[in-house]
Amino acid sequence: VESYNHAMRGLTLIGDIDGAEWIMKRMVDKGLEPNLESFTVLIGDGTSTRDRSLVDHWSQKLADSGLKLDARSFTAVISAFASVDDVQSAEEWFSRMVDNGIPTADALATVVEALVLSSQNEGLETAEEWINQLNDVVEPSQSVYAALAAADVEAGDFEQVEARMQQMEANGLEINEVSLTTLLLAYANAKPQQSQLAEQMFKQQMFRGKMMATRPVLEALRAAVGGARCLSLRRELKLTDQTEPSAKKSRKQWKQFAPRVDNPKEKMLWE
């Protein structure tokens, strides 16, 4: 089974989903039982493109398989549904995860962000209900607070985003790379753009020495201050884009919310 999973994973990485499905069929035809990874490779985890119908199909196959899902598998399915804007299914799978007693902060953050972006008021209320319901089970992380601010980031309401981050700090969590990316994108999307605030926040957090200049952080900074100034700051602070300690998938926030850069010179300055 692992050999088939490896082949399917390779095909999905190059976007050949049809080929991966053919491998799955061949495995089943040979009398082998797909495992959790077999299904989640096809369903995805929200970081690569999938059709909504494909996510529906294979998640149903997974549900019908009788396999006992672990937290990683639940999170992958939830993220896959969120990535195709099927908020209802994402929430339903998260509810199953809760019923199984294995909710995680990452899965909660994914559902919260999907709900908040689906409908700002009603979605926010539902997201907060989930957080309150799981307060004794899942401790909110920086990603959860960032997810709560997703609609404000998209709208460029940087004061609301700052308020969320202040609330987070008051609750005992320090700003990390996810939080900083969220703030920088809010400054980038503000009208007028808050480039000076973005630069000040970036420098302040870098001088604290408690976080790395990850690629999402630097992309958000570029969106807020421009390619030339971003490059200048990187040289001034002697920074390179770095990988987060936990090499899990990003929340994709800068890609989702950052303004488009149409000036080719700006793009070259970043690259």
Protein backbone atom coordinates (compact mmCIF):
# COMPACT_ATOMS: atom_id res chain seq x y z
CA VAL A 1 0.00 0.00 0.00
CA GLU A 2 2.81 2.40 0.83
CA SER A 3 4.28 1.99 -2.65
CA TYR A 4 0.94 2.92 -4.20
CA ASN A 5 0.59 5.87 -1.83
CA HIS A 6 4.05 7.05 -2.82
CA ALA A 7 3.13 6.86 -6.51
CA MET A 8 -0.13 8.73 -5.92
CA ARG A 9 1.65 11.40 -3.92
CA GLY A 10 4.14 11.96 -6.71
CA LEU A 11 1.35 12.32 -9.28
CA THR A 12 -0.63 14.79 -7.16
CA LEU A 13 2.49 16.90 -6.70
CA ILE A 14 2.66 17.44 -10.45
CA GLY A 15 -1.10 18.00 -10.68
CA ASP A 16 -1.98 14.65 -12.25
CA ILE A 17 -5.01 13.86 -10.12
CA ASP A 18 -6.50 11.56 -12.76
CA GLY A 19 -3.33 9.49 -12.70
CA ALA A 20 -3.43 9.31 -8.91
CA GLU A 21 -7.05 8.12 -9.02
CA TRP A 22 -6.05 5.45 -11.55
CA ILE A 23 -3.36 4.24 -9.13
CA MET A 24 -5.94 4.06 -6.36
CA LYS A 25 -8.27 2.00 -8.57
CA ARG A 26 -5.43 -0.34 -9.51
CA MET A 27 -4.55 -0.82 -5.84
CA VAL A 28 -8.16 -1.71 -4.97
CA ASP A 29 -8.43 -4.03 -7.99
CA LYS A 30 -5.44 -5.95 -6.65
CA GLY A 31 -7.30 -6.57 -3.42
CA LEU A 32 -5.32 -4.11 -1.30
CA GLU A 33 -7.06 -1.96 1.32
CA PRO A 34 -6.40 1.79 1.05
CA ASN A 35 -5.29 3.37 4.32
CA LEU A 36 -5.83 6.88 5.67
CA GLU A 37 -2.93 8.27 3.66
CA SER A 38 -4.32 6.79 0.44
CA PHE A 39 -7.48 8.84 0.83
CA THR A 40 -5.91 12.04 2.13
CA VAL A 41 -3.37 12.09 -0.71
CA LEU A 42 -6.31 12.32 -3.13
CA ILE A 43 -8.41 14.65 -1.01
CA GLY A 44 -5.49 16.99 -0.37
CA ASP A 45 -4.94 19.26 2.61
CA GLY A 46 -5.87 22.64 1.18
CA THR A 47 -2.38 23.54 0.00
CA SER A 48 -2.83 22.35 -3.59
CA THR A 49 -5.64 22.63 -6.11
CA ARG A 50 -8.50 20.15 -5.99
CA ASP A 51 -11.95 20.20 -7.59
CA ARG A 52 -14.81 20.40 -5.15
CA SER A 53 -16.39 17.31 -6.67
CA LEU A 54 -13.18 15.34 -6.11
CA VAL A 55 -12.98 16.39 -2.46
CA ASP A 56 -16.65 15.42 -2.04
CA HIS A 57 -16.15 12.05 -3.71
CA TRP A 58 -13.06 10.87 -1.86
CA SER A 59 -14.09 12.25 1.51
CA GLN A 60 -17.30 10.23 1.21
CA LYS A 61 -15.25 7.17 0.24
CA LEU A 62 -13.11 7.78 3.32
CA ALA A 63 -16.19 8.08 5.53
CA ASP A 64 -17.57 4.83 4.08
CA SER A 65 -14.27 2.96 4.48
CA GLY A 66 -14.70 2.37 8.19
CA LEU A 67 -11.18 3.59 8.89
CA LYS A 68 -10.68 5.38 12.22
CA LEU A 69 -9.48 8.87 11.39
CA ASP A 70 -6.69 10.50 13.36
CA ALA A 71 -6.28 14.23 13.97
CA ARG A 72 -4.02 14.64 10.93
CA SER A 73 -6.55 13.05 8.57
CA PHE A 74 -9.44 15.08 9.95
CA THR A 75 -7.41 18.27 9.57
CA ALA A 76 -6.53 17.43 5.97
CA VAL A 77 -10.17 16.85 5.01
CA ILE A 78 -11.34 20.00 6.80
CA SER A 79 -8.64 22.06 5.09
CA ALA A 80 -9.49 20.56 1.69
CA PHE A 81 -13.15 21.54 2.03
CA ALA A 82 -12.21 25.01 3.27
CA SER A 83 -9.94 25.49 0.25
CA VAL A 84 -12.82 24.83 -2.16
CA ASP A 85 -15.13 27.18 -0.19
CA ASP A 86 -17.36 24.39 1.08
CA VAL A 87 -17.67 25.83 4.56
CA GLN A 88 -20.63 23.66 5.54
CA SER A 89 -18.72 20.43 4.86
CA ALA A 90 -15.60 21.76 6.58
CA GLU A 91 -17.66 22.51 9.68
CA GLU A 92 -19.41 19.13 9.53
CA TRP A 93 -16.08 17.28 9.42
CA PHE A 94 -14.76 19.44 12.26
CA SER A 95 -17.86 18.51 14.26
CA ARG A 96 -17.04 14.83 13.66
CA MET A 97 -13.51 15.50 14.82
CA VAL A 98 -14.84 17.07 18.02
CA ASP A 99 -17.21 14.13 18.53
CA ASN A 100 -14.18 11.82 18.26
CA GLY A 101 -12.46 13.78 21.01
CA ILE A 102 -9.44 14.87 18.96
CA PRO A 103 -9.93 18.53 17.92
CA THR A 104 -6.73 20.51 17.38
CA ALA A 105 -5.88 24.20 17.26
CA ASP A 106 -4.89 23.91 13.59
CA ALA A 107 -8.24 22.40 12.61
CA LEU A 108 -10.08 24.98 14.71
CA ALA A 109 -8.18 27.80 13.01
CA THR A 110 -9.07 26.43 9.57
CA VAL A 111 -12.78 26.25 10.40
CA VAL A 112 -12.77 29.66 12.07
CA GLU A 113 -11.15 31.31 9.04
CA ALA A 114 -13.55 29.61 6.64
CA LEU A 115 -16.55 30.72 8.69
CA VAL A 116 -15.33 34.29 9.13
CA LEU A 117 -14.66 34.72 5.41
CA SER A 118 -17.94 33.10 4.38
CA SER A 119 -20.17 35.71 6.04
CA GLN A 120 -18.59 38.35 8.22
CA ASN A 121 -21.22 38.70 10.97
CA GLU A 122 -22.97 35.34 11.16
CA GLY A 123 -19.76 33.49 10.37
CA LEU A 124 -17.85 35.34 13.08
CA GLU A 125 -20.54 34.51 15.63
CA THR A 126 -20.42 30.82 14.73
CA ALA A 127 -16.62 30.83 14.84
CA GLU A 128 -16.63 32.38 18.30
CA GLU A 129 -19.20 29.79 19.44
CA TRP A 130 -16.80 27.01 18.40
CA ILE A 131 -13.92 28.67 20.26
CA ASN A 132 -16.01 29.10 23.41
CA GLN A 133 -17.35 25.54 23.19
CA LEU A 134 -13.84 24.10 22.97
CA ASN A 135 -12.23 26.48 25.43
CA ASP A 136 -11.49 23.70 27.92
CA VAL A 137 -10.36 21.27 25.22
CA VAL A 138 -8.37 23.28 22.67
CA GLU A 139 -6.33 26.26 23.77
CA PRO A 140 -6.62 29.00 21.10
CA SER A 141 -3.35 29.50 19.25
CA GLN A 142 -1.94 32.44 17.33
CA SER A 143 -3.40 30.86 14.20
CA VAL A 144 -6.89 30.91 15.72
CA TYR A 145 -6.61 34.62 16.53
CA ALA A 146 -5.29 35.29 13.03
CA ALA A 147 -8.23 33.35 11.60
CA LEU A 148 -10.68 35.45 13.63
CA ALA A 149 -9.14 38.55 12.03
CA ALA A 150 -9.29 37.18 8.46
CA ALA A 151 -12.18 39.35 7.28
CA ASP A 152 -10.62 42.46 8.83
CA VAL A 153 -7.33 41.66 7.11
CA GLU A 154 -9.12 41.37 3.78
CA ALA A 155 -10.91 44.69 4.40
CA GLY A 156 -7.72 46.43 5.50
CA ASP A 157 -9.21 47.26 8.91
CA PHE A 158 -5.84 47.28 10.61
CA GLU A 159 -7.14 48.78 13.85
CA GLN A 160 -9.46 45.80 14.36
CA VAL A 161 -6.60 43.42 13.57
CA GLU A 162 -4.36 45.22 16.07
CA ALA A 163 -7.15 44.87 18.64
CA ARG A 164 -7.30 41.11 17.99
CA MET A 165 -3.57 40.78 18.46
CA GLN A 166 -3.69 42.84 21.67
CA GLN A 167 -6.46 40.57 22.95
CA MET A 168 -4.28 37.58 22.09
CA GLU A 169 -1.32 39.00 24.02
CA ALA A 170 -3.56 39.82 26.98
CA ASN A 171 -4.53 36.13 26.99
CA GLY A 172 -0.91 35.10 27.31
CA LEU A 173 0.15 34.41 23.71
CA GLU A 174 3.08 36.22 22.12
CA ILE A 175 3.05 37.50 18.55
CA ASN A 176 4.63 34.95 16.23
CA GLU A 177 5.22 34.69 12.49
CA VAL A 178 1.54 34.02 11.75
CA SER A 179 0.48 37.04 13.83
CA LEU A 180 3.05 39.30 12.19
CA THR A 181 1.99 38.20 8.70
CA THR A 182 -1.62 38.97 9.63
CA LEU A 183 -0.75 42.47 10.85
CA LEU A 184 1.42 43.29 7.83
CA LEU A 185 -1.32 42.21 5.42
CA ALA A 186 -3.85 44.37 7.24
CA TYR A 187 -1.50 47.35 6.84
CA ALA A 188 -1.00 46.44 3.16
CA ASN A 189 -4.74 46.32 2.47
CA ALA A 190 -5.59 49.49 4.38
CA LYS A 191 -6.74 52.53 2.45
CA PRO A 192 -4.55 54.50 2.52
CA GLN A 193 -1.88 51.84 2.85
CA GLN A 194 -0.09 51.94 6.21
CA SER A 195 3.47 51.38 5.03
CA GLN A 196 5.10 53.20 7.94
CA LEU A 197 3.17 51.20 10.54
CA ALA A 198 4.09 48.00 8.71
CA GLU A 199 7.78 48.87 8.72
CA GLN A 200 7.70 49.83 12.39
CA MET A 201 5.93 46.61 13.36
CA PHE A 202 8.30 44.47 11.29
CA LYS A 203 11.42 46.09 12.79
CA GLN A 204 10.03 45.87 16.31
CA GLN A 205 9.39 42.15 16.00
CA MET A 206 12.71 41.41 14.31
CA PHE A 207 14.62 43.32 17.00
CA ARG A 208 12.88 41.24 19.67
CA GLY A 209 14.76 38.28 18.22
CA LYS A 210 11.99 35.78 18.95
CA MET A 211 10.84 35.02 15.42
CA MET A 212 12.19 34.39 11.97
CA ALA A 213 11.68 36.33 8.76
CA THR A 214 9.76 33.54 7.06
CA ARG A 215 8.75 33.82 3.44
CA PRO A 216 5.09 34.58 4.27
CA VAL A 217 6.28 37.39 6.57
CA LEU A 218 8.54 38.85 3.88
CA GLU A 219 5.84 38.58 1.21
CA ALA A 220 3.42 40.42 3.50
CA LEU A 221 6.07 43.05 4.18
CA ARG A 222 6.63 43.52 0.47
CA ALA A 223 2.89 43.97 -0.05
CA ALA A 224 2.85 46.66 2.63
CA VAL A 225 6.03 48.65 1.87
CA GLY A 226 6.88 47.76 -1.73
CA GLY A 227 9.58 45.62 -3.23
CA ALA A 228 12.38 48.18 -3.06
CA ARG A 229 11.85 49.03 0.60
CA CYS A 230 11.40 45.36 1.50
CA LEU A 231 14.75 44.53 -0.08
CA SER A 232 16.35 47.49 1.69
CA LEU A 233 15.02 46.33 5.06
CA ARG A 234 16.24 42.81 4.46
CA ARG A 235 19.72 44.14 3.76
CA GLU A 236 19.61 46.57 6.66
CA LEU A 237 18.61 43.84 9.12
CA LYS A 238 20.70 41.18 7.34
CA LEU A 239 17.71 38.91 6.80
CA THR A 240 17.00 36.06 4.43
CA ASP A 241 13.68 34.25 4.04
CA GLN A 242 13.67 31.38 6.50
CA THR A 243 11.66 28.25 7.13
CA GLU A 244 9.41 28.00 10.15
CA PRO A 245 10.54 25.49 12.82
CA SER A 246 7.42 23.38 12.28
CA ALA A 247 7.41 22.64 8.58
CA LYS A 248 3.64 22.34 8.34
CA LYS A 249 1.59 23.99 5.72
CA SER A 250 1.09 27.73 5.88
CA ARG A 251 -2.30 29.37 6.33
CA LYS A 252 -1.65 30.93 2.88
CA GLN A 253 -2.68 34.29 4.25
CA TRP A 254 -0.36 36.51 2.23
CA LYS A 255 -1.38 34.74 -0.99
CA GLN A 256 -5.06 35.09 -0.21
CA PHE A 257 -5.14 38.69 0.97
CA ALA A 258 -2.09 40.50 -0.37
CA PRO A 259 -2.70 43.17 -3.04
CA ARG A 260 -1.61 42.36 -6.57
CA VAL A 261 1.74 43.70 -7.69
CA ASP A 262 1.48 44.55 -11.36
CA ASN A 263 4.77 46.41 -11.68
CA PRO A 264 7.36 43.97 -13.06
CA LYS A 265 10.19 45.97 -11.45
CA GLU A 266 8.59 45.48 -8.04
CA LYS A 267 8.45 41.74 -8.66
CA MET A 268 12.09 41.62 -9.70
CA LEU A 269 13.14 43.56 -6.62
CA TRP A 270 11.45 40.97 -4.44
CA GLU A 271 12.76 37.95 -6.31
